[in-house]
Amino acid sequence: MQSNRQTEAKIANSTGDGKCGYTTRSELAHAYAALLSRDELNGQISDLNGAPITSVISG
C-alpha cells in the first residue's frame, strides 16, 4: 500500500513571508553579563535581537 502523504520539514514563525531575528541562550547570557558588569553600558538601551533570517526553512 503506497501513501500519498508528503513529508515536509520546516521551521516557521509568526512573521509570514518576512524575516525574524534569533539569538541563542549563550549569546543572550554573554550580553546580559556585559550589561550588568560594564559601567559604560549603564543606562543605555541595548538591542539584543539577532540578525534576521528567513522565516521558513524547508528541508
C-alpha atoms as a PDB file:
ATOM      1  CA  MET A   1       0.000   0.000   0.000  1.00  0.00           C
ATOM      2  CA  GLN A   2       1.511   3.313  -1.109  1.00  0.00           C
ATOM      3  CA  SER A   3       0.932   6.503   0.864  1.00  0.00           C
ATOM      4  CA  ASN A   4       0.135   9.797  -0.874  1.00  0.00           C
ATOM      5  CA  ARG A   5       1.375  11.839   2.098  1.00  0.00           C
ATOM      6  CA  GLN A   6       4.374  14.068   1.564  1.00  0.00           C
ATOM      7  CA  THR A   7       6.675  14.902   4.434  1.00  0.00           C
ATOM      8  CA  GLU A   8       7.933  18.446   4.718  1.00  0.00           C
ATOM      9  CA  ALA A   9      10.238  19.687   7.449  1.00  0.00           C
ATOM     10  CA  LYS A  10      10.283  23.399   8.156  1.00  0.00           C
ATOM     11  CA  ILE A  11      10.829  25.994  10.823  1.00  0.00           C
ATOM     12  CA  ALA A  12       8.138  28.671  10.681  1.00  0.00           C
ATOM     13  CA  ASN A  13       7.301  31.685  12.803  1.00  0.00           C
ATOM     14  CA  SER A  14       4.657  34.382  13.034  1.00  0.00           C
ATOM     15  CA  THR A  15       6.282  36.740  10.511  1.00  0.00           C
ATOM     16  CA  GLY A  16       4.754  35.015   7.488  1.00  0.00           C
ATOM     17  CA  ASP A  17       6.920  35.823   4.483  1.00  0.00           C
ATOM     18  CA  GLY A  18       9.020  38.329   6.467  1.00  0.00           C
ATOM     19  CA  LYS A  19      12.157  37.707   8.462  1.00  0.00           C
ATOM     20  CA  CYS A  20      12.645  37.095  12.158  1.00  0.00           C
ATOM     21  CA  GLY A  21      15.760  37.556  14.272  1.00  0.00           C
ATOM     22  CA  TYR A  22      17.021  34.812  16.546  1.00  0.00           C
ATOM     23  CA  THR A  23      19.516  34.730  19.394  1.00  0.00           C
ATOM     24  CA  THR A  24      20.853  31.766  21.306  1.00  0.00           C
ATOM     25  CA  ARG A  25      20.730  31.475  25.082  1.00  0.00           C
ATOM     26  CA  SER A  26      24.511  31.676  25.250  1.00  0.00           C
ATOM     27  CA  GLU A  27      24.510  34.892  23.171  1.00  0.00           C
ATOM     28  CA  LEU A  28      21.928  36.437  25.489  1.00  0.00           C
ATOM     29  CA  ALA A  29      23.817  35.301  28.598  1.00  0.00           C
ATOM     30  CA  HIS A  30      27.000  36.944  27.296  1.00  0.00           C
ATOM     31  CA  ALA A  31      25.139  40.176  26.514  1.00  0.00           C
ATOM     32  CA  TYR A  32      23.373  40.268  29.896  1.00  0.00           C
ATOM     33  CA  ALA A  33      26.659  39.694  31.710  1.00  0.00           C
ATOM     34  CA  ALA A  34      28.244  42.585  29.822  1.00  0.00           C
ATOM     35  CA  LEU A  35      25.266  44.853  30.542  1.00  0.00           C
ATOM     36  CA  LEU A  36      25.431  44.079  34.255  1.00  0.00           C
ATOM     37  CA  SER A  37      29.193  44.315  34.674  1.00  0.00           C
ATOM     38  CA  ARG A  38      30.302  47.216  32.454  1.00  0.00           C
ATOM     39  CA  ASP A  39      29.712  50.674  33.890  1.00  0.00           C
ATOM     40  CA  GLU A  40      29.834  52.366  30.469  1.00  0.00           C
ATOM     41  CA  LEU A  41      26.704  50.419  29.448  1.00  0.00           C
ATOM     42  CA  ASN A  42      24.699  51.576  32.484  1.00  0.00           C
ATOM     43  CA  GLY A  43      21.557  53.462  31.464  1.00  0.00           C
ATOM     44  CA  GLN A  44      21.898  52.670  27.755  1.00  0.00           C
ATOM     45  CA  ILE A  45      19.320  50.960  25.586  1.00  0.00           C
ATOM     46  CA  SER A  46      20.552  47.728  24.006  1.00  0.00           C
ATOM     47  CA  ASP A  47      19.052  45.778  21.111  1.00  0.00           C
ATOM     48  CA  LEU A  48      19.533  42.086  21.890  1.00  0.00           C
ATOM     49  CA  ASN A  49      17.810  40.789  18.775  1.00  0.00           C
ATOM     50  CA  GLY A  50      19.753  38.578  16.391  1.00  0.00           C
ATOM     51  CA  ALA A  51      20.273  39.129  12.695  1.00  0.00           C
ATOM     52  CA  PRO A  52      17.103  38.498  10.661  1.00  0.00           C
ATOM     53  CA  ILE A  53      16.928  35.244   8.787  1.00  0.00           C
ATOM     54  CA  THR A  54      14.302  33.728   6.558  1.00  0.00           C
ATOM     55  CA  SER A  55      11.065  32.837   8.317  1.00  0.00           C
ATOM     56  CA  VAL A  56      10.690  29.418   6.695  1.00  0.00           C
ATOM     57  CA  ILE A  57      13.468  26.854   6.343  1.00  0.00           C
ATOM     58  CA  SER A  58      12.357  23.841   4.341  1.00  0.00           C
ATOM     59  CA  GLY A  59      14.190  20.605   4.160  1.00  0.00           C
END
